[in-house]
Protein backbone atom coordinates (compact mmCIF):
# COMPACT_ATOMS: atom_id res chain seq x y z
CA MET A 1 122.06 194.32 21.06
CA GLY A 2 123.19 195.93 18.08
CA PHE A 3 127.08 195.26 17.61
CA ASP A 4 127.28 193.32 14.45
CA VAL A 5 128.22 196.44 12.54
CA THR A 6 131.30 197.31 10.28
CA ALA A 7 134.27 198.53 12.23
CA ASP A 8 134.18 201.82 10.43
CA ALA A 9 131.00 202.36 11.82
CA TYR A 10 131.78 201.22 15.70
CA ALA A 11 134.69 203.55 15.34
CA SER A 12 132.95 206.67 14.47
CA PHE A 13 130.48 206.06 17.34
CA MET A 14 131.99 204.38 20.05
CA GLY A 15 135.82 203.93 18.99
CA ARG A 16 136.29 207.71 19.52
CA PHE A 17 135.77 206.89 23.55
CA SER A 18 136.99 203.47 23.56
CA GLU A 19 140.66 203.90 21.88
CA PRO A 20 141.74 206.51 24.75
CA LEU A 21 139.94 204.20 27.47
CA ALA A 22 142.13 201.20 25.70
CA ARG A 23 145.60 203.02 25.95
CA GLN A 24 144.61 203.94 30.05
CA LEU A 25 143.48 200.64 30.78
CA VAL A 26 146.48 198.88 29.29
CA ASP A 27 148.66 201.65 31.50
CA LEU A 28 146.83 200.51 34.75
CA LEU A 29 146.87 196.68 34.34
CA ASP A 30 150.95 197.33 33.10
CA PRO A 31 151.54 193.96 31.59
CA ALA A 32 155.09 192.78 31.53
CA PRO A 33 157.16 191.71 28.59
CA GLY A 34 156.78 188.42 27.61
CA ASP A 35 153.03 188.24 29.12
CA ARG A 36 150.37 186.40 26.89
CA ALA A 37 147.28 188.36 26.80
CA LEU A 38 143.83 187.41 25.82
CA ASP A 39 140.92 190.34 24.54
CA VAL A 40 137.70 189.03 25.25
CA GLY A 41 134.78 190.80 23.18
CA CYS A 42 137.77 192.53 21.20
CA GLY A 43 135.18 193.98 18.97
CA PRO A 44 136.99 196.08 16.08
CA GLY A 45 140.45 195.46 17.92
CA THR A 46 140.71 198.81 19.83
CA LEU A 47 142.11 197.35 22.69
CA THR A 48 143.64 194.53 20.82
CA ALA A 49 145.92 197.06 19.20
CA VAL A 50 147.32 198.63 22.20
CA LEU A 51 148.25 195.46 23.92
CA VAL A 52 149.71 194.51 20.55
CA ASP A 53 151.91 197.36 20.89
CA ARG A 54 152.89 196.53 24.52
CA LEU A 55 153.43 193.13 24.03
CA GLY A 56 153.98 192.15 20.56
CA ALA A 57 151.08 190.21 17.99
CA ASP A 58 152.61 186.78 18.87
CA ARG A 59 151.53 187.20 22.70
CA LEU A 60 148.15 188.31 21.75
CA SER A 61 144.72 186.33 21.42
CA ALA A 62 141.45 187.97 20.68
CA VAL A 63 137.66 186.67 20.54
CA ASP A 64 134.29 188.23 19.63
CA PRO A 65 131.09 186.63 18.75
CA SER A 66 130.54 189.34 15.69
CA PRO A 67 131.89 187.61 12.60
CA SER A 68 132.41 191.41 10.77
CA PHE A 69 134.79 192.18 14.22
CA VAL A 70 136.51 189.02 14.10
CA GLN A 71 137.15 189.72 9.96
CA ALA A 72 138.12 193.41 10.87
CA VAL A 73 140.71 192.56 13.40
CA ARG A 74 142.05 189.64 11.56
CA ALA A 75 142.56 192.26 8.57
CA LEU A 76 144.18 194.83 10.95
CA LEU A 77 146.24 192.50 12.84
CA PRO A 78 147.12 189.57 10.98
CA GLU A 79 149.70 188.04 13.16
CA VAL A 80 147.18 187.94 16.41
CA ASP A 81 145.27 184.88 17.04
CA VAL A 82 141.51 186.02 16.52
CA ARG A 83 138.64 183.69 16.93
CA ASP A 84 135.01 183.84 16.70
CA GLY A 85 133.51 182.80 20.02
CA ALA A 86 131.52 183.89 22.88
CA ALA A 87 132.88 185.11 26.47
CA GLU A 88 130.83 182.49 27.95
CA GLU A 89 132.26 179.80 25.96
CA LEU A 90 135.88 180.83 25.36
CA PRO A 91 137.62 178.55 22.72
CA PHE A 92 140.92 178.14 24.61
CA GLY A 93 142.44 175.72 26.96
CA ASP A 94 143.03 176.10 30.71
CA GLU A 95 145.78 178.23 32.42
CA VAL A 96 146.77 179.55 29.06
CA PHE A 97 147.37 183.48 29.45
CA ASP A 98 148.78 185.77 31.86
CA LEU A 99 146.00 188.60 31.14
CA ALA A 100 142.54 188.29 30.42
CA THR A 101 140.70 191.91 29.52
CA ALA A 102 137.06 192.48 28.73
CA GLN A 103 136.61 196.30 27.83
CA LEU A 104 132.87 197.48 27.84
CA VAL A 105 131.98 194.16 27.15
CA VAL A 106 130.55 192.80 30.57
CA PRO A 107 127.18 194.26 30.49
CA PHE A 108 126.51 192.68 27.05
CA MET A 109 127.31 189.23 27.83
CA THR A 110 124.60 186.86 28.20
CA ASP A 111 125.91 185.39 31.29
CA PRO A 112 128.49 188.06 32.97
CA VAL A 113 129.13 185.69 35.75
CA ARG A 114 130.04 182.96 33.52
CA GLY A 115 131.80 184.88 31.06
CA LEU A 116 134.17 186.08 33.73
CA SER A 117 134.51 182.53 35.13
CA GLU A 118 135.63 181.56 31.51
CA MET A 119 138.34 184.29 31.85
CA ARG A 120 139.48 182.99 35.35
CA ARG A 121 139.68 179.45 33.54
CA VAL A 122 141.86 180.42 30.91
CA VAL A 123 144.30 182.47 33.04
CA ARG A 124 147.27 180.87 34.76
CA PRO A 125 147.49 181.19 38.58
CA GLY A 126 148.97 184.40 39.58
CA GLY A 127 147.35 185.66 36.33
CA LEU A 128 145.26 189.19 35.94
CA VAL A 129 141.59 189.31 35.08
CA ALA A 130 140.42 192.73 34.53
CA ALA A 131 137.02 194.31 33.05
CA CYS A 132 135.74 197.69 32.51
CA ALA A 133 132.34 199.50 31.98
CA TRP A 134 131.05 202.61 31.22
CA ASP A 135 129.54 204.21 34.53
CA LEU A 136 125.70 204.07 34.09
CA ASP A 137 125.39 208.05 35.04
CA ARG A 138 128.71 209.14 33.69
CA GLY A 139 129.28 207.40 30.30
CA PRO A 140 129.99 209.26 26.96
CA VAL A 141 126.27 209.15 25.83
CA ARG A 142 124.85 209.89 28.99
CA VAL A 143 123.40 213.36 27.50
CA LEU A 144 121.36 211.65 24.99
CA TRP A 145 119.71 209.49 27.94
CA ARG A 146 119.15 212.56 29.85
CA ALA A 147 117.36 214.08 27.11
CA ALA A 148 115.42 210.68 26.27
CA ASP A 149 114.30 210.52 30.14
CA GLU A 150 113.27 214.17 29.85
CA LEU A 151 111.06 213.44 27.13
CA PHE A 152 110.29 209.77 27.30
CA PRO A 153 110.46 208.58 31.18
CA GLY A 154 112.07 205.28 31.73
CA ALA A 155 114.03 205.43 28.55
CA SER A 156 117.47 205.03 29.95
CA ALA A 157 116.39 201.88 31.63
CA ALA A 158 117.88 200.16 28.45
CA ILE A 159 121.46 200.89 29.56
CA ASP A 160 120.96 199.75 33.29
CA LEU A 161 122.76 196.40 32.73
CA PRO A 162 125.30 194.21 34.70
CA GLY A 163 128.46 196.21 35.82
CA ALA A 164 127.57 199.89 34.88
CA ARG A 165 126.80 200.70 38.79
CA ASP A 166 128.95 201.31 41.36
CA GLY A 167 130.22 197.87 42.91
CA GLN A 168 128.53 195.70 40.28
CA LEU A 169 131.96 194.60 38.36
CA ALA A 170 133.34 193.74 41.73
CA GLU A 171 130.40 191.85 42.41
CA LEU A 172 130.17 189.98 39.46
CA MET A 173 133.95 188.85 39.67
CA THR A 174 133.23 187.71 43.41
CA THR A 175 130.40 185.66 42.21
CA ALA A 176 132.53 184.03 39.48
CA GLY A 177 135.24 183.13 41.82
CA LEU A 178 137.63 185.77 41.50
CA ASP A 179 139.13 187.94 44.45
CA VAL A 180 138.97 191.68 43.46
CA GLN A 181 142.02 193.56 44.23
CA LEU A 182 141.41 196.88 42.47
CA ALA A 183 138.39 198.51 41.92
CA THR A 184 138.73 202.15 40.52
CA THR A 185 137.63 204.56 37.41
CA LEU A 186 139.12 205.70 34.20
CA THR A 187 138.00 208.92 32.81
CA VAL A 188 138.42 209.80 28.91
CA ARG A 189 137.83 213.37 27.27
CA VAL A 190 137.13 213.54 23.72
CA GLN A 191 136.91 216.56 21.66
CA ILE A 192 134.11 216.44 18.81
CA ALA A 193 133.99 219.33 16.54
CA THR A 194 130.42 219.87 15.82
CA PHE A 195 126.91 218.65 17.28
CA GLU A 196 126.03 216.86 14.04
CA GLU A 197 129.51 214.95 14.09
CA TRP A 198 128.32 213.59 17.78
CA TRP A 199 124.76 213.24 16.76
CA ALA A 200 125.37 211.37 13.33
CA PRO A 201 126.52 207.90 14.65
CA PHE A 202 123.35 207.34 16.52
CA SER A 203 121.88 206.49 13.27
CA PHE A 204 124.23 203.53 13.12
CA GLY A 205 122.08 201.24 15.11
CA ILE A 206 124.98 200.57 17.59
CA GLY A 207 124.67 199.36 21.17
CA PRO A 208 121.49 200.52 23.55
CA ALA A 209 121.78 204.07 22.28
CA GLY A 210 121.35 203.62 18.31
CA GLU A 211 118.64 200.75 18.96
CA TYR A 212 116.66 203.21 21.09
CA VAL A 213 116.81 206.09 18.53
CA ALA A 214 116.35 203.65 15.60
CA THR A 215 112.65 202.83 17.34
CA LEU A 216 111.69 206.23 17.35
CA THR A 217 109.58 208.08 15.01
CA ASP A 218 111.09 210.86 12.73
CA GLY A 219 109.32 213.35 14.97
CA ASP A 220 110.18 212.18 18.31
CA ARG A 221 113.92 211.41 17.02
CA GLU A 222 113.71 215.19 15.99
CA ARG A 223 112.71 216.15 19.29
CA LEU A 224 115.26 214.24 21.28
CA ARG A 225 118.33 215.86 18.81
CA VAL A 226 116.88 219.52 19.72
CA ARG A 227 116.97 218.58 23.25
CA CYS A 228 120.44 217.48 22.69
CA VAL A 229 121.56 220.61 21.19
CA ASP A 230 120.05 222.27 24.47
CA LEU A 231 122.04 220.09 27.14
CA LEU A 232 125.27 219.99 25.22
CA PRO A 233 128.10 222.42 25.73
CA ASP A 234 129.22 224.99 22.54
CA GLU A 235 131.18 223.51 20.01
CA PRO A 236 133.75 222.20 19.85
CA LEU A 237 132.26 219.86 22.13
CA GLU A 238 134.31 218.23 25.16
CA ILE A 239 132.73 215.01 25.99
CA VAL A 240 133.84 213.29 28.93
CA GLY A 241 132.97 209.51 29.78
CA VAL A 242 133.79 207.42 33.29
CA ALA A 243 134.42 204.05 33.20
CA ARG A 244 134.38 201.51 36.21
CA VAL A 245 137.38 199.09 36.30
CA ALA A 246 137.65 196.13 38.33
CA THR A 247 140.54 193.65 38.25
CA SER A 248 141.78 190.28 40.07
CA ARG A 249 144.56 188.02 40.18
CA ARG A 250 143.95 184.22 40.16
CA ALA A 251 144.99 182.55 43.23
């Protein structure tokens, strides 16, 4: 999946949605002063930065398999312990953290159950494991997939990923040995000034949407762009995204 990109490219595409989502997620989890937290699949550090504001850099660790993201987070938050690694093999000992989070990561894990099991392993008894993922039908790029399905039936199969449908995050957590205490949703609303500002980041090749757009011929890409114009509201655009959240306290 195309996520080995610069932090700036990611920020202009998904960062505008993941930043407000991160603030809501941390408010929901409400970590206590002194908690030690781990951001799994930290990307360019969106959620990490919010957790630093709440807990302090010395209480945060982060991990991501993308070298460009690891480098970016180290530059942005030099006092945070940032490591190169995958969720399925977290480079930390047992029962180290009070909180382990994975924002918009579970659907892209090679093995989501193993990744969540690893999050459980590194959290102390009584600690919190939390994950969120964009809802399949209500995510912030759903208009693009609606247009793609109309023009090229079946296109949206690319985003039918683990954790994207109702109940799936909770099911994955249960399979990973976690008892789910909370399953809910968070909604973000983002103002984007123009259609072109909304459309341009799809050319960066980021995630399923960017990879899909990159596979199209110039003519089909233009057909998709025109259909998105028709489906989106008038400028300025208000883009709404709904994320599913599941949390569990380790027994």
